[in-house]
Amino acid sequence: MTPYALTYGHDAILPMEIAVQSLRISHQHGLTGEDYSQAMLLELEELDASRIDTLNKLLAGKQAVSRAYNKRVRDKSFEEGEIVWKAILPLGAHIAGYGKWSPTWEGPFVINQILGMGAYRLQDRDGVIHNAPINGKWLKKFYPTMWDSQAVQTDPGIEKEQG
């Protein structure tokens, strides 16, 4: 069924169809007034069923899209004391002099507090706690390289806060 038919109860009639006398138009002209009204009532009764069918198909399509999306999305959750990177917001911001080579992540930070609903409060390496909460989608787990691993392990500020 077309969107027009779902809205108005029958398909649109083009002006050309009236001039050329299409089969549909000639059938309507051949009906008596009572037969035509009966045909219109029957069409209206079928309209509710077709609208319900269309709505069910639409809902099934939305559920299929939702299932496909949820299959690919993984929830990010972090624990207190975990070391993370934070995205530089707004995304796409460039640091002067770096151009397209600007970093997209800053940190590392330590998860200081879990606020719930995917929100976290961060603490930087100097022990300063950031008041503004940040959503977990802007965080990424920190995996130290061989150069970072010594700095992170020997940083006294981090050890005091974690222990």
N, C-alpha and C. Protein backbone atom coordinates (compact mmCIF):
# COMPACT_ATOMS: atom_id res chain seq x y z
N MET A 1 0.83 -1.18 0.00
CA MET A 1 0.00 0.00 0.00
C MET A 1 0.87 1.25 0.00
N THR A 2 0.47 2.25 -0.72
CA THR A 2 1.25 3.48 -0.80
C THR A 2 0.98 4.34 0.43
N PRO A 3 1.89 5.25 0.77
CA PRO A 3 1.64 6.16 1.89
C PRO A 3 0.38 7.00 1.68
N TYR A 4 0.12 7.38 0.44
CA TYR A 4 -1.08 8.15 0.13
C TYR A 4 -2.33 7.34 0.45
N ALA A 5 -2.33 6.08 0.06
CA ALA A 5 -3.49 5.22 0.31
C ALA A 5 -3.67 4.99 1.80
N LEU A 6 -2.58 4.87 2.56
CA LEU A 6 -2.70 4.71 4.01
C LEU A 6 -3.28 5.95 4.67
N THR A 7 -2.99 7.11 4.11
CA THR A 7 -3.49 8.36 4.69
C THR A 7 -4.92 8.65 4.28
N TYR A 8 -5.22 8.56 2.99
CA TYR A 8 -6.51 9.00 2.47
C TYR A 8 -7.48 7.87 2.18
N GLY A 9 -7.07 6.64 2.29
CA GLY A 9 -7.99 5.52 2.12
C GLY A 9 -8.02 4.93 0.73
N HIS A 10 -7.47 5.58 -0.26
CA HIS A 10 -7.41 5.03 -1.62
C HIS A 10 -6.26 5.68 -2.36
N ASP A 11 -5.87 5.08 -3.46
CA ASP A 11 -4.74 5.61 -4.22
C ASP A 11 -5.11 6.92 -4.90
N ALA A 12 -4.11 7.73 -5.13
CA ALA A 12 -4.32 9.01 -5.80
C ALA A 12 -4.68 8.79 -7.26
N ILE A 13 -5.52 9.66 -7.78
CA ILE A 13 -5.90 9.61 -9.20
C ILE A 13 -5.23 10.79 -9.89
N LEU A 14 -4.43 10.50 -10.86
CA LEU A 14 -3.73 11.55 -11.60
C LEU A 14 -4.68 12.18 -12.61
N PRO A 15 -4.52 13.47 -12.91
CA PRO A 15 -5.38 14.12 -13.91
C PRO A 15 -5.33 13.42 -15.26
N MET A 16 -4.17 12.85 -15.61
CA MET A 16 -4.04 12.16 -16.89
C MET A 16 -4.97 10.94 -16.93
N GLU A 17 -5.16 10.25 -15.78
CA GLU A 17 -6.03 9.08 -15.75
C GLU A 17 -7.47 9.46 -16.07
N ILE A 18 -7.90 10.63 -15.66
CA ILE A 18 -9.27 11.07 -15.95
C ILE A 18 -9.42 11.37 -17.43
N ALA A 19 -8.41 12.04 -18.02
CA ALA A 19 -8.49 12.40 -19.44
C ALA A 19 -8.40 11.18 -20.34
N VAL A 20 -7.59 10.19 -19.99
CA VAL A 20 -7.37 9.03 -20.84
C VAL A 20 -8.39 7.93 -20.55
N GLN A 21 -9.08 8.02 -19.43
CA GLN A 21 -10.04 6.99 -19.00
C GLN A 21 -9.34 5.66 -18.75
N SER A 22 -8.60 5.62 -17.66
CA SER A 22 -7.94 4.36 -17.29
C SER A 22 -8.99 3.35 -16.84
N LEU A 23 -8.56 2.12 -16.70
CA LEU A 23 -9.46 1.04 -16.31
C LEU A 23 -10.08 1.32 -14.95
N ARG A 24 -9.30 1.85 -14.04
CA ARG A 24 -9.81 2.14 -12.70
C ARG A 24 -10.91 3.21 -12.74
N ILE A 25 -10.69 4.26 -13.52
CA ILE A 25 -11.67 5.35 -13.62
C ILE A 25 -12.93 4.87 -14.33
N SER A 26 -12.78 4.12 -15.41
CA SER A 26 -13.96 3.63 -16.13
C SER A 26 -14.78 2.68 -15.25
N HIS A 27 -14.11 1.91 -14.39
CA HIS A 27 -14.83 1.03 -13.47
C HIS A 27 -15.64 1.86 -12.47
N GLN A 28 -15.05 2.97 -11.97
CA GLN A 28 -15.77 3.82 -11.02
C GLN A 28 -16.95 4.51 -11.68
N HIS A 29 -16.82 4.93 -12.94
CA HIS A 29 -17.93 5.60 -13.63
C HIS A 29 -19.06 4.63 -13.94
N GLY A 30 -18.74 3.35 -14.08
CA GLY A 30 -19.77 2.36 -14.40
C GLY A 30 -20.60 1.95 -13.20
N LEU A 31 -20.19 2.34 -12.00
CA LEU A 31 -20.92 1.95 -10.79
C LEU A 31 -22.07 2.91 -10.51
N THR A 32 -23.12 2.38 -9.94
CA THR A 32 -24.22 3.24 -9.50
C THR A 32 -23.80 3.90 -8.19
N GLY A 33 -24.56 4.86 -7.75
CA GLY A 33 -24.24 5.59 -6.52
C GLY A 33 -24.16 4.67 -5.32
N GLU A 34 -25.10 3.74 -5.22
CA GLU A 34 -25.11 2.82 -4.08
C GLU A 34 -23.94 1.84 -4.14
N ASP A 35 -23.64 1.34 -5.33
CA ASP A 35 -22.51 0.42 -5.49
C ASP A 35 -21.18 1.12 -5.18
N TYR A 36 -21.09 2.38 -5.62
CA TYR A 36 -19.88 3.15 -5.38
C TYR A 36 -19.69 3.37 -3.87
N SER A 37 -20.76 3.73 -3.16
CA SER A 37 -20.66 3.95 -1.71
C SER A 37 -20.32 2.64 -0.99
N GLN A 38 -20.86 1.52 -1.46
CA GLN A 38 -20.51 0.22 -0.87
C GLN A 38 -19.03 -0.10 -1.09
N ALA A 39 -18.53 0.21 -2.27
CA ALA A 39 -17.11 -0.03 -2.58
C ALA A 39 -16.22 0.84 -1.69
N MET A 40 -16.64 2.09 -1.47
CA MET A 40 -15.86 3.00 -0.62
C MET A 40 -15.88 2.52 0.83
N LEU A 41 -17.02 2.04 1.34
CA LEU A 41 -17.10 1.52 2.71
C LEU A 41 -16.23 0.28 2.88
N LEU A 42 -16.24 -0.58 1.89
CA LEU A 42 -15.40 -1.78 1.94
C LEU A 42 -13.92 -1.39 1.95
N GLU A 43 -13.59 -0.37 1.17
CA GLU A 43 -12.21 0.12 1.13
C GLU A 43 -11.80 0.70 2.48
N LEU A 44 -12.73 1.40 3.16
CA LEU A 44 -12.44 1.96 4.47
C LEU A 44 -12.24 0.87 5.52
N GLU A 45 -13.03 -0.21 5.43
CA GLU A 45 -12.87 -1.31 6.37
C GLU A 45 -11.51 -2.00 6.18
N GLU A 46 -11.09 -2.12 4.94
CA GLU A 46 -9.79 -2.73 4.65
C GLU A 46 -8.64 -1.80 5.04
N LEU A 47 -8.94 -0.49 5.10
CA LEU A 47 -7.90 0.49 5.41
C LEU A 47 -7.35 0.28 6.82
N ASP A 48 -8.22 0.04 7.80
CA ASP A 48 -7.75 -0.17 9.17
C ASP A 48 -6.82 -1.38 9.25
N ALA A 49 -7.20 -2.45 8.60
CA ALA A 49 -6.37 -3.66 8.62
C ALA A 49 -5.03 -3.41 7.95
N SER A 50 -5.04 -2.68 6.84
CA SER A 50 -3.77 -2.42 6.15
C SER A 50 -2.90 -1.45 6.95
N ARG A 51 -3.51 -0.51 7.67
CA ARG A 51 -2.73 0.38 8.53
C ARG A 51 -2.08 -0.40 9.67
N ILE A 52 -2.82 -1.33 10.26
CA ILE A 52 -2.26 -2.15 11.34
C ILE A 52 -1.13 -3.03 10.81
N ASP A 53 -1.32 -3.62 9.63
CA ASP A 53 -0.25 -4.43 9.02
C ASP A 53 1.00 -3.60 8.76
N THR A 54 0.79 -2.39 8.25
CA THR A 54 1.92 -1.51 7.97
C THR A 54 2.64 -1.13 9.25
N LEU A 55 1.89 -0.83 10.31
CA LEU A 55 2.49 -0.50 11.59
C LEU A 55 3.29 -1.67 12.14
N ASN A 56 2.76 -2.88 12.03
CA ASN A 56 3.48 -4.07 12.50
C ASN A 56 4.78 -4.28 11.72
N LYS A 57 4.74 -4.05 10.41
CA LYS A 57 5.96 -4.18 9.59
C LYS A 57 6.99 -3.13 9.99
N LEU A 58 6.51 -1.92 10.26
CA LEU A 58 7.40 -0.84 10.67
C LEU A 58 8.07 -1.16 12.00
N LEU A 59 7.29 -1.65 12.96
CA LEU A 59 7.85 -2.01 14.27
C LEU A 59 8.83 -3.18 14.15
N ALA A 60 8.51 -4.16 13.30
CA ALA A 60 9.43 -5.29 13.10
C ALA A 60 10.74 -4.82 12.49
N GLY A 61 10.67 -3.88 11.56
CA GLY A 61 11.88 -3.33 10.96
C GLY A 61 12.73 -2.58 11.98
N LYS A 62 12.08 -1.80 12.85
CA LYS A 62 12.82 -1.07 13.88
C LYS A 62 13.48 -2.03 14.86
N GLN A 63 12.79 -3.10 15.21
CA GLN A 63 13.38 -4.09 16.11
C GLN A 63 14.57 -4.79 15.47
N ALA A 64 14.48 -5.05 14.18
CA ALA A 64 15.61 -5.68 13.47
C ALA A 64 16.82 -4.76 13.47
N VAL A 65 16.59 -3.47 13.23
CA VAL A 65 17.69 -2.50 13.25
C VAL A 65 18.28 -2.42 14.66
N SER A 66 17.43 -2.42 15.66
CA SER A 66 17.88 -2.35 17.04
C SER A 66 18.72 -3.57 17.41
N ARG A 67 18.27 -4.75 17.02
CA ARG A 67 19.04 -5.98 17.31
C ARG A 67 20.40 -5.95 16.62
N ALA A 68 20.43 -5.50 15.36
CA ALA A 68 21.69 -5.45 14.62
C ALA A 68 22.65 -4.45 15.27
N TYR A 69 22.12 -3.31 15.71
CA TYR A 69 22.96 -2.30 16.36
C TYR A 69 23.49 -2.81 17.69
N ASN A 70 22.61 -3.38 18.50
CA ASN A 70 23.00 -3.85 19.83
C ASN A 70 23.98 -5.01 19.76
N LYS A 71 23.99 -5.74 18.66
CA LYS A 71 24.93 -6.84 18.48
C LYS A 71 26.36 -6.30 18.40
N ARG A 72 26.51 -5.13 17.78
CA ARG A 72 27.83 -4.57 17.55
C ARG A 72 28.32 -3.68 18.69
N VAL A 73 27.41 -3.13 19.49
CA VAL A 73 27.78 -2.17 20.52
C VAL A 73 28.15 -2.91 21.80
N ARG A 74 29.28 -2.54 22.35
CA ARG A 74 29.70 -3.10 23.63
C ARG A 74 29.68 -1.99 24.67
N ASP A 75 29.17 -2.31 25.83
CA ASP A 75 29.12 -1.34 26.91
C ASP A 75 30.52 -1.14 27.48
N LYS A 76 30.90 0.10 27.72
CA LYS A 76 32.18 0.37 28.35
C LYS A 76 31.92 0.56 29.84
N SER A 77 32.61 -0.19 30.64
CA SER A 77 32.50 0.02 32.08
C SER A 77 33.91 -0.04 32.67
N PHE A 78 34.12 0.84 33.62
CA PHE A 78 35.43 0.93 34.26
C PHE A 78 35.23 0.81 35.77
N GLU A 79 36.30 0.46 36.46
CA GLU A 79 36.27 0.34 37.91
C GLU A 79 37.10 1.45 38.52
N GLU A 80 36.83 1.76 39.79
CA GLU A 80 37.61 2.78 40.48
C GLU A 80 39.08 2.37 40.51
N GLY A 81 39.95 3.34 40.27
CA GLY A 81 41.38 3.07 40.26
C GLY A 81 41.92 2.66 38.91
N GLU A 82 41.05 2.41 37.95
CA GLU A 82 41.49 2.00 36.62
C GLU A 82 42.05 3.22 35.87
N ILE A 83 43.07 2.99 35.07
CA ILE A 83 43.72 4.07 34.33
C ILE A 83 43.12 4.13 32.93
N VAL A 84 42.74 5.35 32.50
CA VAL A 84 42.05 5.53 31.22
C VAL A 84 42.60 6.73 30.46
N TRP A 85 42.33 6.74 29.17
CA TRP A 85 42.53 7.90 28.31
C TRP A 85 41.20 8.64 28.22
N LYS A 86 41.25 9.94 28.01
CA LYS A 86 40.03 10.73 27.82
C LYS A 86 40.10 11.40 26.45
N ALA A 87 39.00 11.35 25.71
CA ALA A 87 38.96 11.99 24.39
C ALA A 87 39.08 13.49 24.56
N ILE A 88 39.80 14.12 23.65
CA ILE A 88 39.90 15.58 23.66
C ILE A 88 38.62 16.12 23.03
N LEU A 89 37.85 16.85 23.84
CA LEU A 89 36.57 17.38 23.37
C LEU A 89 36.69 18.87 23.13
N PRO A 90 36.06 19.45 22.17
CA PRO A 90 35.20 18.82 21.18
C PRO A 90 36.02 18.00 20.19
N LEU A 91 35.40 16.95 19.68
CA LEU A 91 36.09 16.08 18.73
C LEU A 91 36.51 16.88 17.51
N GLY A 92 37.67 16.62 17.01
CA GLY A 92 38.14 17.32 15.82
C GLY A 92 38.89 18.61 16.15
N ALA A 93 39.00 18.96 17.44
CA ALA A 93 39.73 20.17 17.81
C ALA A 93 41.22 19.95 17.54
N HIS A 94 41.86 20.94 16.97
CA HIS A 94 43.28 20.81 16.63
C HIS A 94 44.10 21.74 17.52
N ILE A 95 45.25 21.26 17.93
CA ILE A 95 46.18 22.06 18.71
C ILE A 95 47.04 22.83 17.72
N ALA A 96 47.23 24.11 17.98
CA ALA A 96 48.00 24.96 17.07
C ALA A 96 49.40 24.38 16.88
N GLY A 97 49.83 24.31 15.65
CA GLY A 97 51.16 23.82 15.33
C GLY A 97 51.19 22.34 14.98
N TYR A 98 50.18 21.58 15.38
CA TYR A 98 50.14 20.15 15.08
C TYR A 98 49.29 19.84 13.86
N GLY A 99 48.30 20.68 13.56
CA GLY A 99 47.43 20.44 12.42
C GLY A 99 46.69 19.13 12.55
N LYS A 100 46.73 18.33 11.49
CA LYS A 100 46.00 17.07 11.51
C LYS A 100 46.66 16.02 12.41
N TRP A 101 47.86 16.30 12.89
CA TRP A 101 48.56 15.36 13.77
C TRP A 101 48.25 15.64 15.23
N SER A 102 47.27 16.47 15.51
CA SER A 102 46.89 16.75 16.89
C SER A 102 46.42 15.48 17.58
N PRO A 103 46.76 15.31 18.86
CA PRO A 103 46.31 14.10 19.57
C PRO A 103 44.80 14.11 19.76
N THR A 104 44.21 12.93 19.78
CA THR A 104 42.76 12.82 19.99
C THR A 104 42.44 12.35 21.40
N TRP A 105 43.44 11.90 22.14
CA TRP A 105 43.24 11.43 23.50
C TRP A 105 44.23 12.14 24.42
N GLU A 106 43.81 12.39 25.64
CA GLU A 106 44.70 12.99 26.63
C GLU A 106 44.69 12.15 27.90
N GLY A 107 45.73 12.30 28.68
CA GLY A 107 45.77 11.53 29.91
C GLY A 107 47.15 10.97 30.13
N PRO A 108 47.29 9.97 30.89
CA PRO A 108 46.26 9.11 31.46
C PRO A 108 45.60 9.72 32.70
N PHE A 109 44.39 9.27 32.99
CA PHE A 109 43.63 9.66 34.16
C PHE A 109 43.27 8.40 34.94
N VAL A 110 42.93 8.60 36.20
CA VAL A 110 42.49 7.49 37.05
C VAL A 110 41.01 7.70 37.34
N ILE A 111 40.24 6.62 37.28
CA ILE A 111 38.82 6.69 37.64
C ILE A 111 38.76 6.91 39.15
N ASN A 112 38.29 8.07 39.57
CA ASN A 112 38.21 8.40 40.99
C ASN A 112 36.89 7.95 41.59
N GLN A 113 35.80 8.13 40.83
CA GLN A 113 34.47 7.81 41.37
C GLN A 113 33.56 7.37 40.24
N ILE A 114 32.74 6.36 40.50
CA ILE A 114 31.74 5.91 39.54
C ILE A 114 30.42 6.56 39.95
N LEU A 115 29.85 7.36 39.05
CA LEU A 115 28.63 8.10 39.37
C LEU A 115 27.37 7.38 38.94
N GLY A 116 27.49 6.32 38.16
CA GLY A 116 26.32 5.58 37.68
C GLY A 116 25.89 6.08 36.31
N MET A 117 25.10 5.25 35.62
CA MET A 117 24.59 5.56 34.28
C MET A 117 25.72 5.86 33.30
N GLY A 118 26.89 5.24 33.50
CA GLY A 118 28.00 5.41 32.58
C GLY A 118 28.82 6.66 32.79
N ALA A 119 28.60 7.37 33.90
CA ALA A 119 29.34 8.61 34.18
C ALA A 119 30.43 8.33 35.22
N TYR A 120 31.56 9.03 35.04
CA TYR A 120 32.70 8.83 35.92
C TYR A 120 33.30 10.18 36.29
N ARG A 121 33.98 10.22 37.45
CA ARG A 121 34.74 11.39 37.84
C ARG A 121 36.20 10.98 37.77
N LEU A 122 37.02 11.80 37.12
CA LEU A 122 38.42 11.46 36.87
C LEU A 122 39.36 12.22 37.81
N GLN A 123 40.53 11.65 37.93
CA GLN A 123 41.61 12.27 38.70
C GLN A 123 42.85 12.22 37.81
N ASP A 124 43.56 13.35 37.70
CA ASP A 124 44.75 13.32 36.85
C ASP A 124 45.95 12.78 37.65
N ARG A 125 47.09 12.72 37.00
CA ARG A 125 48.27 12.09 37.62
C ARG A 125 48.82 12.91 38.78
N ASP A 126 48.47 14.19 38.82
CA ASP A 126 48.93 15.04 39.93
C ASP A 126 48.04 14.91 41.15
N GLY A 127 46.97 14.14 41.04
CA GLY A 127 46.05 13.95 42.17
C GLY A 127 44.88 14.91 42.17
N VAL A 128 44.80 15.79 41.17
CA VAL A 128 43.70 16.75 41.09
C VAL A 128 42.46 16.04 40.58
N ILE A 129 41.37 16.15 41.34
CA ILE A 129 40.12 15.51 40.95
C ILE A 129 39.32 16.48 40.10
N HIS A 130 38.87 16.03 38.95
CA HIS A 130 38.07 16.86 38.04
C HIS A 130 36.62 16.83 38.52
N ASN A 131 36.03 18.01 38.70
CA ASN A 131 34.66 18.09 39.21
C ASN A 131 33.63 17.68 38.16
N ALA A 132 33.91 17.98 36.90
CA ALA A 132 32.94 17.69 35.84
C ALA A 132 32.94 16.19 35.54
N PRO A 133 31.79 15.55 35.64
CA PRO A 133 31.73 14.12 35.29
C PRO A 133 31.86 13.94 33.78
N ILE A 134 32.28 12.76 33.36
CA ILE A 134 32.42 12.48 31.93
C ILE A 134 31.78 11.13 31.64
N ASN A 135 31.16 11.04 30.48
CA ASN A 135 30.51 9.80 30.07
C ASN A 135 31.58 8.78 29.66
N GLY A 136 31.30 7.52 29.94
CA GLY A 136 32.25 6.45 29.63
C GLY A 136 32.53 6.29 28.16
N LYS A 137 31.63 6.79 27.29
CA LYS A 137 31.90 6.64 25.86
C LYS A 137 33.08 7.51 25.41
N TRP A 138 33.46 8.50 26.23
CA TRP A 138 34.60 9.35 25.89
C TRP A 138 35.88 8.87 26.55
N LEU A 139 35.84 7.69 27.17
CA LEU A 139 37.01 7.13 27.83
C LEU A 139 37.46 5.86 27.13
N LYS A 140 38.74 5.56 27.28
CA LYS A 140 39.29 4.33 26.70
C LYS A 140 40.35 3.81 27.65
N LYS A 141 40.37 2.49 27.82
CA LYS A 141 41.31 1.87 28.75
C LYS A 141 42.75 2.19 28.35
N PHE A 142 43.55 2.48 29.34
CA PHE A 142 44.96 2.82 29.14
C PHE A 142 45.79 1.55 29.20
N TYR A 143 46.50 1.26 28.12
CA TYR A 143 47.45 0.15 28.08
C TYR A 143 48.83 0.77 27.97
N PRO A 144 49.62 0.70 29.03
CA PRO A 144 50.91 1.38 28.99
C PRO A 144 51.88 0.71 28.03
N THR A 145 52.66 1.54 27.36
CA THR A 145 53.75 1.03 26.53
C THR A 145 54.93 0.75 27.45
N MET A 146 56.03 0.28 26.90
CA MET A 146 57.17 -0.03 27.78
C MET A 146 57.74 1.26 28.38
N TRP A 147 57.55 2.41 27.73
CA TRP A 147 58.04 3.68 28.27
C TRP A 147 57.08 4.20 29.33
N ASP A 148 55.78 3.97 29.13
CA ASP A 148 54.78 4.47 30.08
C ASP A 148 54.70 3.59 31.32
N SER A 149 54.96 2.31 31.20
CA SER A 149 54.72 1.39 32.31
C SER A 149 55.55 1.76 33.53
N GLN A 150 56.81 2.19 33.34
CA GLN A 150 57.64 2.57 34.48
C GLN A 150 57.14 3.86 35.10
N ALA A 151 56.73 4.83 34.25
CA ALA A 151 56.26 6.11 34.77
C ALA A 151 54.96 5.95 35.54
N VAL A 152 54.08 5.12 35.07
CA VAL A 152 52.80 4.92 35.73
C VAL A 152 52.99 4.16 37.03
N GLN A 153 53.85 3.14 37.02
CA GLN A 153 54.05 2.33 38.22
C GLN A 153 54.80 3.09 39.31
N THR A 154 55.73 3.97 38.93
CA THR A 154 56.54 4.65 39.93
C THR A 154 55.98 6.00 40.32
N ASP A 155 54.86 6.42 39.76
CA ASP A 155 54.27 7.72 40.09
C ASP A 155 53.69 7.66 41.50
N PRO A 156 54.25 8.40 42.47
CA PRO A 156 53.78 8.29 43.85
C PRO A 156 52.35 8.80 44.03
N GLY A 157 51.92 9.77 43.24
CA GLY A 157 50.55 10.30 43.36
C GLY A 157 49.52 9.25 43.04
N ILE A 158 49.78 8.43 42.04
CA ILE A 158 48.83 7.39 41.62
C ILE A 158 48.77 6.29 42.68
N GLU A 159 49.95 5.89 43.21
CA GLU A 159 49.98 4.80 44.19
C GLU A 159 49.24 5.19 45.46
N LYS A 160 49.38 6.46 45.91
CA LYS A 160 48.70 6.91 47.12
C LYS A 160 47.18 6.84 46.95
N GLU A 161 46.70 7.28 45.79
CA GLU A 161 45.26 7.33 45.54
C GLU A 161 44.67 5.94 45.38
N GLN A 162 45.43 5.02 44.76
CA GLN A 162 44.91 3.67 44.53
C GLN A 162 44.96 2.84 45.81
N GLY A 163 45.94 3.05 46.65
CA GLY A 163 46.16 2.21 47.81
C GLY A 163 45.42 2.66 49.00
